[in-house]
Amino acid sequence: KPGQVWFLPGNTPVERRCRERCEVLFFKLSCDWLPGFDPLLD
């Protein structure tokens, strides 16, 4: 919904549904602790 901030993790298939016009600001990012190994992908 408008006014909500959602975290959508990578490597996580979702079905997207939309029936109306929307405006969205979104950020694409990765994370790591060990270089190149993203703990949130698995």
PDB file of all heavy atoms in Angstrom:
ATOM      1  N   LYS A   1       0.821  -1.204   0.000  1.00  0.00           N
ATOM      2  CA  LYS A   1       0.000   0.000   0.000  1.00  0.00           C
ATOM      3  C   LYS A   1       0.860   1.261   0.000  1.00  0.00           C
ATOM      4  O   LYS A   1       2.018   1.231   0.418  1.00  0.00           O
ATOM      5  CB  LYS A   1      -0.908   0.002   1.234  1.00  0.00           C
ATOM      6  CG  LYS A   1      -1.827  -1.207   1.326  1.00  0.00           C
ATOM      7  CD  LYS A   1      -2.612  -1.184   2.631  1.00  0.00           C
ATOM      8  CE  LYS A   1      -3.492  -2.412   2.769  1.00  0.00           C
ATOM      9  NZ  LYS A   1      -4.218  -2.438   4.078  1.00  0.00           N
ATOM     10  N   PRO A   2       0.291   2.394  -0.446  1.00  0.00           N
ATOM     11  CA  PRO A   2       1.021   3.665  -0.390  1.00  0.00           C
ATOM     12  C   PRO A   2       1.437   3.989   1.041  1.00  0.00           C
ATOM     13  O   PRO A   2       0.695   3.715   1.990  1.00  0.00           O
ATOM     14  CB  PRO A   2       0.015   4.685  -0.919  1.00  0.00           C
ATOM     15  CG  PRO A   2      -0.918   3.883  -1.764  1.00  0.00           C
ATOM     16  CD  PRO A   2      -1.035   2.549  -1.089  1.00  0.00           C
ATOM     17  N   GLY A   3       2.648   4.535   1.181  1.00  0.00           N
ATOM     18  CA  GLY A   3       3.129   4.889   2.509  1.00  0.00           C
ATOM     19  C   GLY A   3       3.791   3.741   3.249  1.00  0.00           C
ATOM     20  O   GLY A   3       4.193   3.898   4.399  1.00  0.00           O
ATOM     21  N   GLN A   4       3.924   2.593   2.594  1.00  0.00           N
ATOM     22  CA  GLN A   4       4.589   1.446   3.213  1.00  0.00           C
ATOM     23  C   GLN A   4       5.941   1.196   2.547  1.00  0.00           C
ATOM     24  O   GLN A   4       6.096   1.391   1.347  1.00  0.00           O
ATOM     25  CB  GLN A   4       3.730   0.183   3.092  1.00  0.00           C
ATOM     26  CG  GLN A   4       2.446   0.222   3.909  1.00  0.00           C
ATOM     27  CD  GLN A   4       1.662  -1.077   3.783  1.00  0.00           C
ATOM     28  OE1 GLN A   4       1.797  -1.814   2.804  1.00  0.00           O
ATOM     29  NE2 GLN A   4       0.837  -1.356   4.774  1.00  0.00           N
ATOM     30  N   VAL A   5       6.895   0.751   3.351  1.00  0.00           N
ATOM     31  CA  VAL A   5       8.227   0.392   2.859  1.00  0.00           C
ATOM     32  C   VAL A   5       8.368  -1.123   2.983  1.00  0.00           C
ATOM     33  O   VAL A   5       8.265  -1.671   4.083  1.00  0.00           O
ATOM     34  CB  VAL A   5       9.338   1.089   3.676  1.00  0.00           C
ATOM     35  CG1 VAL A   5      10.706   0.714   3.124  1.00  0.00           C
ATOM     36  CG2 VAL A   5       9.145   2.597   3.673  1.00  0.00           C
ATOM     37  N   TRP A   6       8.582  -1.786   1.843  1.00  0.00           N
ATOM     38  CA  TRP A   6       8.673  -3.241   1.834  1.00  0.00           C
ATOM     39  C   TRP A   6      10.067  -3.692   1.441  1.00  0.00           C
ATOM     40  O   TRP A   6      10.675  -3.150   0.509  1.00  0.00           O
ATOM     41  CB  TRP A   6       7.662  -3.837   0.842  1.00  0.00           C
ATOM     42  CG  TRP A   6       6.261  -3.865   1.387  1.00  0.00           C
ATOM     43  CD1 TRP A   6       5.350  -2.854   1.358  1.00  0.00           C
ATOM     44  CD2 TRP A   6       5.632  -4.960   2.059  1.00  0.00           C
ATOM     45  NE1 TRP A   6       4.181  -3.244   1.968  1.00  0.00           N
ATOM     46  CE2 TRP A   6       4.321  -4.536   2.405  1.00  0.00           C
ATOM     47  CE3 TRP A   6       6.035  -6.246   2.402  1.00  0.00           C
ATOM     48  CZ2 TRP A   6       3.423  -5.371   3.079  1.00  0.00           C
ATOM     49  CZ3 TRP A   6       5.144  -7.085   3.066  1.00  0.00           C
ATOM     50  CH2 TRP A   6       3.853  -6.641   3.401  1.00  0.00           C
ATOM     51  N   PHE A   7      10.564  -4.703   2.161  1.00  0.00           N
ATOM     52  CA  PHE A   7      11.806  -5.370   1.787  1.00  0.00           C
ATOM     53  C   PHE A   7      11.429  -6.632   1.028  1.00  0.00           C
ATOM     54  O   PHE A   7      10.747  -7.511   1.550  1.00  0.00           O
ATOM     55  CB  PHE A   7      12.627  -5.723   3.026  1.00  0.00           C
ATOM     56  CG  PHE A   7      13.858  -6.542   2.707  1.00  0.00           C
ATOM     57  CD1 PHE A   7      14.883  -6.011   1.937  1.00  0.00           C
ATOM     58  CD2 PHE A   7      13.983  -7.839   3.184  1.00  0.00           C
ATOM     59  CE1 PHE A   7      16.018  -6.768   1.643  1.00  0.00           C
ATOM     60  CE2 PHE A   7      15.111  -8.594   2.894  1.00  0.00           C
ATOM     61  CZ  PHE A   7      16.127  -8.062   2.120  1.00  0.00           C
ATOM     62  N   LEU A   8      11.854  -6.702  -0.236  1.00  0.00           N
ATOM     63  CA  LEU A   8      11.587  -7.859  -1.096  1.00  0.00           C
ATOM     64  C   LEU A   8      12.929  -8.527  -1.382  1.00  0.00           C
ATOM     65  O   LEU A   8      13.696  -8.064  -2.221  1.00  0.00           O
ATOM     66  CB  LEU A   8      10.902  -7.414  -2.394  1.00  0.00           C
ATOM     67  CG  LEU A   8       9.612  -6.597  -2.209  1.00  0.00           C
ATOM     68  CD1 LEU A   8       9.095  -6.098  -3.556  1.00  0.00           C
ATOM     69  CD2 LEU A   8       8.541  -7.412  -1.503  1.00  0.00           C
ATOM     70  N   PRO A   9      13.253  -9.611  -0.665  1.00  0.00           N
ATOM     71  CA  PRO A   9      14.585 -10.209  -0.791  1.00  0.00           C
ATOM     72  C   PRO A   9      14.825 -10.837  -2.150  1.00  0.00           C
ATOM     73  O   PRO A   9      13.909 -11.348  -2.798  1.00  0.00           O
ATOM     74  CB  PRO A   9      14.605 -11.262   0.329  1.00  0.00           C
ATOM     75  CG  PRO A   9      13.174 -11.559   0.609  1.00  0.00           C
ATOM     76  CD  PRO A   9      12.412 -10.303   0.327  1.00  0.00           C
ATOM     77  N   GLY A  10      16.076 -10.789  -2.587  1.00  0.00           N
ATOM     78  CA  GLY A  10      16.456 -11.444  -3.834  1.00  0.00           C
ATOM     79  C   GLY A  10      16.364 -12.953  -3.714  1.00  0.00           C
ATOM     80  O   GLY A  10      16.263 -13.505  -2.616  1.00  0.00           O
ATOM     81  N   ASN A  11      16.393 -13.626  -4.854  1.00  0.00           N
ATOM     82  CA  ASN A  11      16.330 -15.086  -4.887  1.00  0.00           C
ATOM     83  C   ASN A  11      15.058 -15.601  -4.227  1.00  0.00           C
ATOM     84  O   ASN A  11      15.048 -16.675  -3.622  1.00  0.00           O
ATOM     85  CB  ASN A  11      17.565 -15.693  -4.193  1.00  0.00           C
ATOM     86  CG  ASN A  11      17.810 -17.139  -4.588  1.00  0.00           C
ATOM     87  OD1 ASN A  11      17.464 -17.567  -5.684  1.00  0.00           O
ATOM     88  ND2 ASN A  11      18.420 -17.897  -3.691  1.00  0.00           N
ATOM     89  N   THR A  12      13.983 -14.807  -4.342  1.00  0.00           N
ATOM     90  CA  THR A  12      12.709 -15.141  -3.690  1.00  0.00           C
ATOM     91  C   THR A  12      11.572 -14.929  -4.687  1.00  0.00           C
ATOM     92  O   THR A  12      11.039 -13.816  -4.815  1.00  0.00           O
ATOM     93  CB  THR A  12      12.484 -14.250  -2.442  1.00  0.00           C
ATOM     94  OG1 THR A  12      13.643 -14.303  -1.607  1.00  0.00           O
ATOM     95  CG2 THR A  12      11.266 -14.703  -1.659  1.00  0.00           C
ATOM     96  N   PRO A  13      11.197 -15.956  -5.447  1.00  0.00           N
ATOM     97  CA  PRO A  13      10.168 -15.788  -6.477  1.00  0.00           C
ATOM     98  C   PRO A  13       8.819 -15.368  -5.891  1.00  0.00           C
ATOM     99  O   PRO A  13       8.358 -15.932  -4.899  1.00  0.00           O
ATOM    100  CB  PRO A  13      10.078 -17.188  -7.105  1.00  0.00           C
ATOM    101  CG  PRO A  13      11.391 -17.835  -6.797  1.00  0.00           C
ATOM    102  CD  PRO A  13      11.773 -17.312  -5.452  1.00  0.00           C
ATOM    103  N   VAL A  14       8.222 -14.360  -6.515  1.00  0.00           N
ATOM    104  CA  VAL A  14       6.887 -13.904  -6.121  1.00  0.00           C
ATOM    105  C   VAL A  14       6.038 -13.726  -7.377  1.00  0.00           C
ATOM    106  O   VAL A  14       6.549 -13.462  -8.458  1.00  0.00           O
ATOM    107  CB  VAL A  14       6.925 -12.567  -5.344  1.00  0.00           C
ATOM    108  CG1 VAL A  14       7.674 -12.718  -4.039  1.00  0.00           C
ATOM    109  CG2 VAL A  14       7.526 -11.456  -6.180  1.00  0.00           C
ATOM    110  N   GLU A  15       4.747 -13.874  -7.194  1.00  0.00           N
ATOM    111  CA  GLU A  15       3.780 -13.534  -8.248  1.00  0.00           C
ATOM    112  C   GLU A  15       3.337 -12.099  -8.010  1.00  0.00           C
ATOM    113  O   GLU A  15       2.919 -11.746  -6.911  1.00  0.00           O
ATOM    114  CB  GLU A  15       2.576 -14.468  -8.193  1.00  0.00           C
ATOM    115  CG  GLU A  15       1.486 -14.129  -9.206  1.00  0.00           C
ATOM    116  CD  GLU A  15       0.180 -14.872  -8.954  1.00  0.00           C
ATOM    117  OE1 GLU A  15       0.212 -15.906  -8.266  1.00  0.00           O
ATOM    118  OE2 GLU A  15      -0.871 -14.390  -9.441  1.00  0.00           O
ATOM    119  N   ARG A  16       3.443 -11.265  -9.032  1.00  0.00           N
ATOM    120  CA  ARG A  16       3.073  -9.859  -8.899  1.00  0.00           C
ATOM    121  C   ARG A  16       1.651  -9.644  -9.423  1.00  0.00           C
ATOM    122  O   ARG A  16       1.290 -10.160 -10.484  1.00  0.00           O
ATOM    123  CB  ARG A  16       4.052  -8.971  -9.675  1.00  0.00           C
ATOM    124  CG  ARG A  16       5.500  -9.110  -9.236  1.00  0.00           C
ATOM    125  CD  ARG A  16       6.390  -8.107  -9.961  1.00  0.00           C
ATOM    126  NE  ARG A  16       6.257  -8.205 -11.409  1.00  0.00           N
ATOM    127  CZ  ARG A  16       6.925  -9.064 -12.167  1.00  0.00           C
ATOM    128  NH1 ARG A  16       7.767  -9.932 -11.621  1.00  0.00           N
ATOM    129  NH2 ARG A  16       6.748  -9.081 -13.478  1.00  0.00           N
ATOM    130  N   ARG A  17       0.874  -8.857  -8.694  1.00  0.00           N
ATOM    131  CA  ARG A  17      -0.500  -8.561  -9.098  1.00  0.00           C
ATOM    132  C   ARG A  17      -0.728  -7.050  -9.074  1.00  0.00           C
ATOM    133  O   ARG A  17      -0.384  -6.378  -8.093  1.00  0.00           O
ATOM    134  CB  ARG A  17      -1.504  -9.255  -8.175  1.00  0.00           C
ATOM    135  CG  ARG A  17      -1.405 -10.776  -8.193  1.00  0.00           C
ATOM    136  CD  ARG A  17      -2.434 -11.414  -7.287  1.00  0.00           C
ATOM    137  NE  ARG A  17      -2.365 -12.868  -7.319  1.00  0.00           N
ATOM    138  CZ  ARG A  17      -3.175 -13.682  -6.646  1.00  0.00           C
ATOM    139  NH1 ARG A  17      -4.136 -13.159  -5.886  1.00  0.00           N
ATOM    140  NH2 ARG A  17      -3.033 -14.988  -6.726  1.00  0.00           N
ATOM    141  N   CYS A  18      -1.310  -6.544 -10.128  1.00  0.00           N
ATOM    142  CA  CYS A  18      -1.571  -5.105 -10.210  1.00  0.00           C
ATOM    143  C   CYS A  18      -2.741  -4.861 -11.154  1.00  0.00           C
ATOM    144  O   CYS A  18      -2.746  -5.369 -12.281  1.00  0.00           O
ATOM    145  CB  CYS A  18      -0.320  -4.371 -10.699  1.00  0.00           C
ATOM    146  SG  CYS A  18      -0.458  -2.573 -10.661  1.00  0.00           S
ATOM    147  N   ARG A  19      -3.706  -4.052 -10.712  1.00  0.00           N
ATOM    148  CA  ARG A  19      -4.886  -3.759 -11.533  1.00  0.00           C
ATOM    149  C   ARG A  19      -5.112  -2.265 -11.718  1.00  0.00           C
ATOM    150  O   ARG A  19      -6.062  -1.852 -12.361  1.00  0.00           O
ATOM    151  CB  ARG A  19      -6.140  -4.378 -10.887  1.00  0.00           C
ATOM    152  CG  ARG A  19      -6.123  -5.901 -10.822  1.00  0.00           C
ATOM    153  CD  ARG A  19      -6.235  -6.516 -12.202  1.00  0.00           C
ATOM    154  NE  ARG A  19      -6.269  -7.970 -12.165  1.00  0.00           N
ATOM    155  CZ  ARG A  19      -5.209  -8.762 -12.196  1.00  0.00           C
ATOM    156  NH1 ARG A  19      -3.991  -8.216 -12.297  1.00  0.00           N
ATOM    157  NH2 ARG A  19      -5.321 -10.073 -12.151  1.00  0.00           N
ATOM    158  N   GLU A  20      -4.243  -1.437 -11.145  1.00  0.00           N
ATOM    159  CA  GLU A  20      -4.441   0.007 -11.238  1.00  0.00           C
ATOM    160  C   GLU A  20      -3.106   0.696 -11.427  1.00  0.00           C
ATOM    161  O   GLU A  20      -2.044   0.098 -11.279  1.00  0.00           O
ATOM    162  CB  GLU A  20      -5.130   0.537  -9.973  1.00  0.00           C
ATOM    163  CG  GLU A  20      -4.374   0.253  -8.689  1.00  0.00           C
ATOM    164  CD  GLU A  20      -5.164   0.667  -7.454  1.00  0.00           C
ATOM    165  OE1 GLU A  20      -5.982  -0.126  -6.965  1.00  0.00           O
ATOM    166  OE2 GLU A  20      -4.943   1.810  -6.992  1.00  0.00           O
ATOM    167  N   ARG A  21      -3.154   1.976 -11.795  1.00  0.00           N
ATOM    168  CA  ARG A  21      -1.928   2.742 -11.986  1.00  0.00           C
ATOM    169  C   ARG A  21      -1.280   3.017 -10.626  1.00  0.00           C
ATOM    170  O   ARG A  21      -1.952   3.367  -9.656  1.00  0.00           O
ATOM    171  CB  ARG A  21      -2.203   4.060 -12.690  1.00  0.00           C
ATOM    172  CG  ARG A  21      -2.854   3.928 -14.058  1.00  0.00           C
ATOM    173  CD  ARG A  21      -2.070   3.022 -15.001  1.00  0.00           C
ATOM    174  NE  ARG A  21      -0.714   3.514 -15.259  1.00  0.00           N
ATOM    175  CZ  ARG A  21       0.195   2.847 -15.975  1.00  0.00           C
ATOM    176  NH1 ARG A  21      -0.108   1.645 -16.482  1.00  0.00           N
ATOM    177  NH2 ARG A  21       1.380   3.357 -16.183  1.00  0.00           N
ATOM    178  N   CYS A  22       0.023   2.848 -10.565  1.00  0.00           N
ATOM    179  CA  CYS A  22       0.759   3.011  -9.314  1.00  0.00           C
ATOM    180  C   CYS A  22       2.041   3.803  -9.559  1.00  0.00           C
ATOM    181  O   CYS A  22       2.598   3.793 -10.662  1.00  0.00           O
ATOM    182  CB  CYS A  22       1.135   1.652  -8.722  1.00  0.00           C
ATOM    183  SG  CYS A  22      -0.252   0.538  -8.406  1.00  0.00           S
ATOM    184  N   GLU A  23       2.498   4.476  -8.529  1.00  0.00           N
ATOM    185  CA  GLU A  23       3.807   5.115  -8.529  1.00  0.00           C
ATOM    186  C   GLU A  23       4.639   4.451  -7.436  1.00  0.00           C
ATOM    187  O   GLU A  23       4.179   4.301  -6.295  1.00  0.00           O
ATOM    188  CB  GLU A  23       3.685   6.612  -8.256  1.00  0.00           C
ATOM    189  CG  GLU A  23       2.960   7.382  -9.348  1.00  0.00           C
ATOM    190  CD  GLU A  23       2.796   8.836  -8.970  1.00  0.00           C
ATOM    191  OE1 GLU A  23       2.259   9.103  -7.879  1.00  0.00           O
ATOM    192  OE2 GLU A  23       3.215   9.707  -9.758  1.00  0.00           O
ATOM    193  N   VAL A  24       5.854   4.058  -7.789  1.00  0.00           N
ATOM    194  CA  VAL A  24       6.704   3.333  -6.850  1.00  0.00           C
ATOM    195  C   VAL A  24       8.130   3.873  -6.924  1.00  0.00           C
ATOM    196  O   VAL A  24       8.682   4.045  -8.012  1.00  0.00           O
ATOM    197  CB  VAL A  24       6.730   1.813  -7.163  1.00  0.00           C
ATOM    198  CG1 VAL A  24       7.573   1.069  -6.129  1.00  0.00           C
ATOM    199  CG2 VAL A  24       5.320   1.252  -7.233  1.00  0.00           C
ATOM    200  N   LEU A  25       8.710   4.158  -5.774  1.00  0.00           N
ATOM    201  CA  LEU A  25      10.138   4.439  -5.684  1.00  0.00           C
ATOM    202  C   LEU A  25      10.783   3.171  -5.150  1.00  0.00           C
ATOM    203  O   LEU A  25      10.343   2.632  -4.128  1.00  0.00           O
ATOM    204  CB  LEU A  25      10.392   5.605  -4.724  1.00  0.00           C
ATOM    205  CG  LEU A  25      11.857   5.979  -4.482  1.00  0.00           C
ATOM    206  CD1 LEU A  25      12.488   6.565  -5.736  1.00  0.00           C
ATOM    207  CD2 LEU A  25      11.975   6.955  -3.317  1.00  0.00           C
ATOM    208  N   PHE A  26      11.791   2.654  -5.862  1.00  0.00           N
ATOM    209  CA  PHE A  26      12.412   1.430  -5.360  1.00  0.00           C
ATOM    210  C   PHE A  26      13.926   1.464  -5.523  1.00  0.00           C
ATOM    211  O   PHE A  26      14.479   2.171  -6.363  1.00  0.00           O
ATOM    212  CB  PHE A  26      11.808   0.178  -6.006  1.00  0.00           C
ATOM    213  CG  PHE A  26      12.063  -0.011  -7.468  1.00  0.00           C
ATOM    214  CD1 PHE A  26      13.076  -0.848  -7.918  1.00  0.00           C
ATOM    215  CD2 PHE A  26      11.265   0.625  -8.419  1.00  0.00           C
ATOM    216  CE1 PHE A  26      13.300  -1.052  -9.268  1.00  0.00           C
ATOM    217  CE2 PHE A  26      11.477   0.429  -9.770  1.00  0.00           C
ATOM    218  CZ  PHE A  26      12.505  -0.408 -10.204  1.00  0.00           C
ATOM    219  N   PHE A  27      14.564   0.700  -4.653  1.00  0.00           N
ATOM    220  CA  PHE A  27      16.019   0.623  -4.586  1.00  0.00           C
ATOM    221  C   PHE A  27      16.436  -0.825  -4.815  1.00  0.00           C
ATOM    222  O   PHE A  27      15.860  -1.740  -4.230  1.00  0.00           O
ATOM    223  CB  PHE A  27      16.524   1.100  -3.216  1.00  0.00           C
ATOM    224  CG  PHE A  27      15.973   2.431  -2.790  1.00  0.00           C
ATOM    225  CD1 PHE A  27      14.821   2.515  -2.024  1.00  0.00           C
ATOM    226  CD2 PHE A  27      16.600   3.606  -3.160  1.00  0.00           C
ATOM    227  CE1 PHE A  27      14.302   3.737  -1.629  1.00  0.00           C
ATOM    228  CE2 PHE A  27      16.100   4.845  -2.782  1.00  0.00           C
ATOM    229  CZ  PHE A  27      14.938   4.908  -2.011  1.00  0.00           C
ATOM    230  N   LYS A  28      17.440  -1.015  -5.666  1.00  0.00           N
ATOM    231  CA  LYS A  28      18.009  -2.335  -5.890  1.00  0.00           C
ATOM    232  C   LYS A  28      19.339  -2.391  -5.146  1.00  0.00           C
ATOM    233  O   LYS A  28      20.156  -1.469  -5.255  1.00  0.00           O
ATOM    234  CB  LYS A  28      18.219  -2.595  -7.388  1.00  0.00           C
ATOM    235  CG  LYS A  28      16.902  -2.721  -8.160  1.00  0.00           C
ATOM    236  CD  LYS A  28      17.133  -2.715  -9.663  1.00  0.00           C
ATOM    237  CE  LYS A  28      17.677  -4.028 -10.193  1.00  0.00           C
ATOM    238  NZ  LYS A  28      16.640  -5.068 -10.331  1.00  0.00           N
ATOM    239  N   LEU A  29      19.567  -3.458  -4.401  1.00  0.00           N
ATOM    240  CA  LEU A  29      20.764  -3.519  -3.563  1.00  0.00           C
ATOM    241  C   LEU A  29      21.175  -4.958  -3.284  1.00  0.00           C
ATOM    242  O   LEU A  29      20.421  -5.896  -3.522  1.00  0.00           O
ATOM    243  CB  LEU A  29      20.502  -2.790  -2.239  1.00  0.00           C
ATOM    244  CG  LEU A  29      19.277  -3.275  -1.444  1.00  0.00           C
ATOM    245  CD1 LEU A  29      19.711  -4.086  -0.240  1.00  0.00           C
ATOM    246  CD2 LEU A  29      18.436  -2.084  -0.987  1.00  0.00           C
ATOM    247  N   SER A  30      22.400  -5.096  -2.799  1.00  0.00           N
ATOM    248  CA  SER A  30      22.890  -6.385  -2.330  1.00  0.00           C
ATOM    249  C   SER A  30      23.506  -6.167  -0.952  1.00  0.00           C
ATOM    250  O   SER A  30      23.744  -5.024  -0.535  1.00  0.00           O
ATOM    251  CB  SER A  30      23.928  -6.969  -3.296  1.00  0.00           C
ATOM    252  OG  SER A  30      25.059  -6.125  -3.389  1.00  0.00           O
ATOM    253  N   CYS A  31      23.744  -7.250  -0.236  1.00  0.00           N
ATOM    254  CA  CYS A  31      24.348  -7.180   1.086  1.00  0.00           C
ATOM    255  C   CYS A  31      25.474  -8.210   1.163  1.00  0.00           C
ATOM    256  O   CYS A  31      25.491  -9.174   0.400  1.00  0.00           O
ATOM    257  CB  CYS A  31      23.325  -7.502   2.184  1.00  0.00           C
ATOM    258  SG  CYS A  31      21.821  -6.496   2.149  1.00  0.00           S
ATOM    259  N   ASP A  32      26.400  -8.006   2.065  1.00  0.00           N
ATOM    260  CA  ASP A  32      27.366  -9.069   2.327  1.00  0.00           C
ATOM    261  C   ASP A  32      27.994  -8.892   3.700  1.00  0.00           C
ATOM    262  O   ASP A  32      27.932  -7.838   4.313  1.00  0.00           O
ATOM    263  CB  ASP A  32      28.433  -9.172   1.237  1.00  0.00           C
ATOM    264  CG  ASP A  32      29.351  -7.965   1.111  1.00  0.00           C
ATOM    265  OD1 ASP A  32      29.598  -7.287   2.118  1.00  0.00           O
ATOM    266  OD2 ASP A  32      29.829  -7.694   0.000  1.00  0.00           O
ATOM    267  N   TRP A  33      28.558  -9.964   4.186  1.00  0.00           N
ATOM    268  CA  TRP A  33      29.417  -9.963   5.368  1.00  0.00           C
ATOM    269  C   TRP A  33      30.782 -10.451   4.922  1.00  0.00           C
ATOM    270  O   TRP A  33      31.721  -9.708   4.909  1.00  0.00           O
ATOM    271  CB  TRP A  33      28.835 -10.847   6.472  1.00  0.00           C
ATOM    272  CG  TRP A  33      29.376 -10.496   7.827  1.00  0.00           C
ATOM    273  CD1 TRP A  33      28.811  -9.635   8.733  1.00  0.00           C
ATOM    274  CD2 TRP A  33      30.585 -10.962   8.448  1.00  0.00           C
ATOM    275  NE1 TRP A  33      29.592  -9.532   9.865  1.00  0.00           N
ATOM    276  CE2 TRP A  33      30.699 -10.350   9.726  1.00  0.00           C
ATOM    277  CE3 TRP A  33      31.595 -11.838   8.056  1.00  0.00           C
ATOM    278  CZ2 TRP A  33      31.761 -10.588  10.592  1.00  0.00           C
ATOM    279  CZ3 TRP A  33      32.665 -12.074   8.917  1.00  0.00           C
ATOM    280  CH2 TRP A  33      32.743 -11.458  10.171  1.00  0.00           C
ATOM    281  N   LEU A  34      30.859 -11.688   4.470  1.00  0.00           N
ATOM    282  CA  LEU A  34      32.034 -12.120   3.728  1.00  0.00           C
ATOM    283  C   LEU A  34      31.940 -11.511   2.335  1.00  0.00           C
ATOM    284  O   LEU A  34      30.840 -11.410   1.778  1.00  0.00           O
ATOM    285  CB  LEU A  34      32.085 -13.649   3.632  1.00  0.00           C
ATOM    286  CG  LEU A  34      32.346 -14.400   4.942  1.00  0.00           C
ATOM    287  CD1 LEU A  34      32.157 -15.896   4.725  1.00  0.00           C
ATOM    288  CD2 LEU A  34      33.735 -14.115   5.456  1.00  0.00           C
ATOM    289  N   PRO A  35      33.054 -11.078   1.742  1.00  0.00           N
ATOM    290  CA  PRO A  35      32.997 -10.417   0.433  1.00  0.00           C
ATOM    291  C   PRO A  35      32.257 -11.252  -0.609  1.00  0.00           C
ATOM    292  O   PRO A  35      32.607 -12.410  -0.861  1.00  0.00           O
ATOM    293  CB  PRO A  35      34.477 -10.260   0.061  1.00  0.00           C
ATOM    294  CG  PRO A  35      35.187 -10.229   1.359  1.00  0.00           C
ATOM    295  CD  PRO A  35      34.434 -11.166   2.262  1.00  0.00           C
ATOM    296  N   GLY A  36      31.206 -10.668  -1.177  1.00  0.00           N
ATOM    297  CA  GLY A  36      30.490 -11.326  -2.262  1.00  0.00           C
ATOM    298  C   GLY A  36      29.502 -12.382  -1.838  1.00  0.00           C
ATOM    299  O   GLY A  36      28.790 -12.931  -2.684  1.00  0.00           O
ATOM    300  N   PHE A  37      29.418 -12.681  -0.539  1.00  0.00           N
ATOM    301  CA  PHE A  37      28.514 -13.738  -0.096  1.00  0.00           C
ATOM    302  C   PHE A  37      27.376 -13.099   0.679  1.00  0.00           C
ATOM    303  O   PHE A  37      27.544 -12.681   1.814  1.00  0.00           O
ATOM    304  CB  PHE A  37      29.251 -14.764   0.766  1.00  0.00           C
ATOM    305  CG  PHE A  37      28.609 -16.125   0.762  1.00  0.00           C
ATOM    306  CD1 PHE A  37      29.267 -17.210   0.207  1.00  0.00           C
ATOM    307  CD2 PHE A  37      27.351 -16.330   1.286  1.00  0.00           C
ATOM    308  CE1 PHE A  37      28.684 -18.474   0.191  1.00  0.00           C
ATOM    309  CE2 PHE A  37      26.754 -17.571   1.275  1.00  0.00           C
ATOM    310  CZ  PHE A  37      27.435 -18.648   0.732  1.00  0.00           C
ATOM    311  N   ASP A  38      26.211 -13.024   0.073  1.00  0.00           N
ATOM    312  CA  ASP A  38      25.059 -12.337   0.646  1.00  0.00           C
ATOM    313  C   ASP A  38      24.287 -13.292   1.551  1.00  0.00           C
ATOM    314  O   ASP A  38      23.668 -14.244   1.071  1.00  0.00           O
ATOM    315  CB  ASP A  38      24.155 -11.837  -0.490  1.00  0.00           C
ATOM    316  CG  ASP A  38      23.069 -10.891  -0.012  1.00  0.00           C
ATOM    317  OD1 ASP A  38      22.631 -11.017   1.142  1.00  0.00           O
ATOM    318  OD2 ASP A  38      22.644 -10.029  -0.800  1.00  0.00           O
ATOM    319  N   PRO A  39      24.277 -13.070   2.867  1.00  0.00           N
ATOM    320  CA  PRO A  39      23.584 -13.988   3.770  1.00  0.00           C
ATOM    321  C   PRO A  39      22.073 -14.001   3.597  1.00  0.00           C
ATOM    322  O   PRO A  39      21.405 -14.942   4.029  1.00  0.00           O
ATOM    323  CB  PRO A  39      23.972 -13.480   5.166  1.00  0.00           C
ATOM    324  CG  PRO A  39      24.312 -12.046   4.967  1.00  0.00           C
ATOM    325  CD  PRO A  39      24.924 -11.964   3.599  1.00  0.00           C
ATOM    326  N   LEU A  40      21.515 -12.971   2.961  1.00  0.00           N
ATOM    327  CA  LEU A  40      20.059 -12.896   2.816  1.00  0.00           C
ATOM    328  C   LEU A  40      19.554 -13.604   1.567  1.00  0.00           C
ATOM    329  O   LEU A  40      18.351 -13.788   1.415  1.00  0.00           O
ATOM    330  CB  LEU A  40      19.615 -11.429   2.798  1.00  0.00           C
ATOM    331  CG  LEU A  40      19.970 -10.622   4.053  1.00  0.00           C
ATOM    332  CD1 LEU A  40      19.401  -9.213   3.958  1.00  0.00           C
ATOM    333  CD2 LEU A  40      19.466 -11.316   5.309  1.00  0.00           C
ATOM    334  N   LEU A  41      20.457 -14.015   0.671  1.00  0.00           N
ATOM    335  CA  LEU A  41      20.017 -14.732  -0.528  1.00  0.00           C
ATOM    336  C   LEU A  41      19.646 -16.176  -0.227  1.00  0.00           C
ATOM    337  O   LEU A  41      18.854 -16.784  -0.952  1.00  0.00           O
ATOM    338  CB  LEU A  41      21.101 -14.697  -1.609  1.00  0.00           C
ATOM    339  CG  LEU A  41      21.277 -13.386  -2.362  1.00  0.00           C
ATOM    340  CD1 LEU A  41      22.393 -13.518  -3.390  1.00  0.00           C
ATOM    341  CD2 LEU A  41      19.986 -12.955  -3.048  1.00  0.00           C
ATOM    342  N   ASP A  42      20.230 -16.745   0.835  1.00  0.00           N
ATOM    343  CA  ASP A  42      19.962 -18.140   1.180  1.00  0.00           C
ATOM    344  C   ASP A  42      19.329 -18.288   2.562  1.00  0.00           C
ATOM    345  O   ASP A  42      19.209 -19.390   3.069  1.00  0.00           O
ATOM    346  CB  ASP A  42      21.271 -18.950   1.113  1.00  0.00           C
ATOM    347  CG  ASP A  42      21.889 -18.893  -0.266  1.00  0.00           C
ATOM    348  OD1 ASP A  42      21.263 -19.377  -1.209  1.00  0.00           O
ATOM    349  OD2 ASP A  42      22.993 -18.332  -0.398  1.00  0.00           O
TER     350      ASP A  42
END
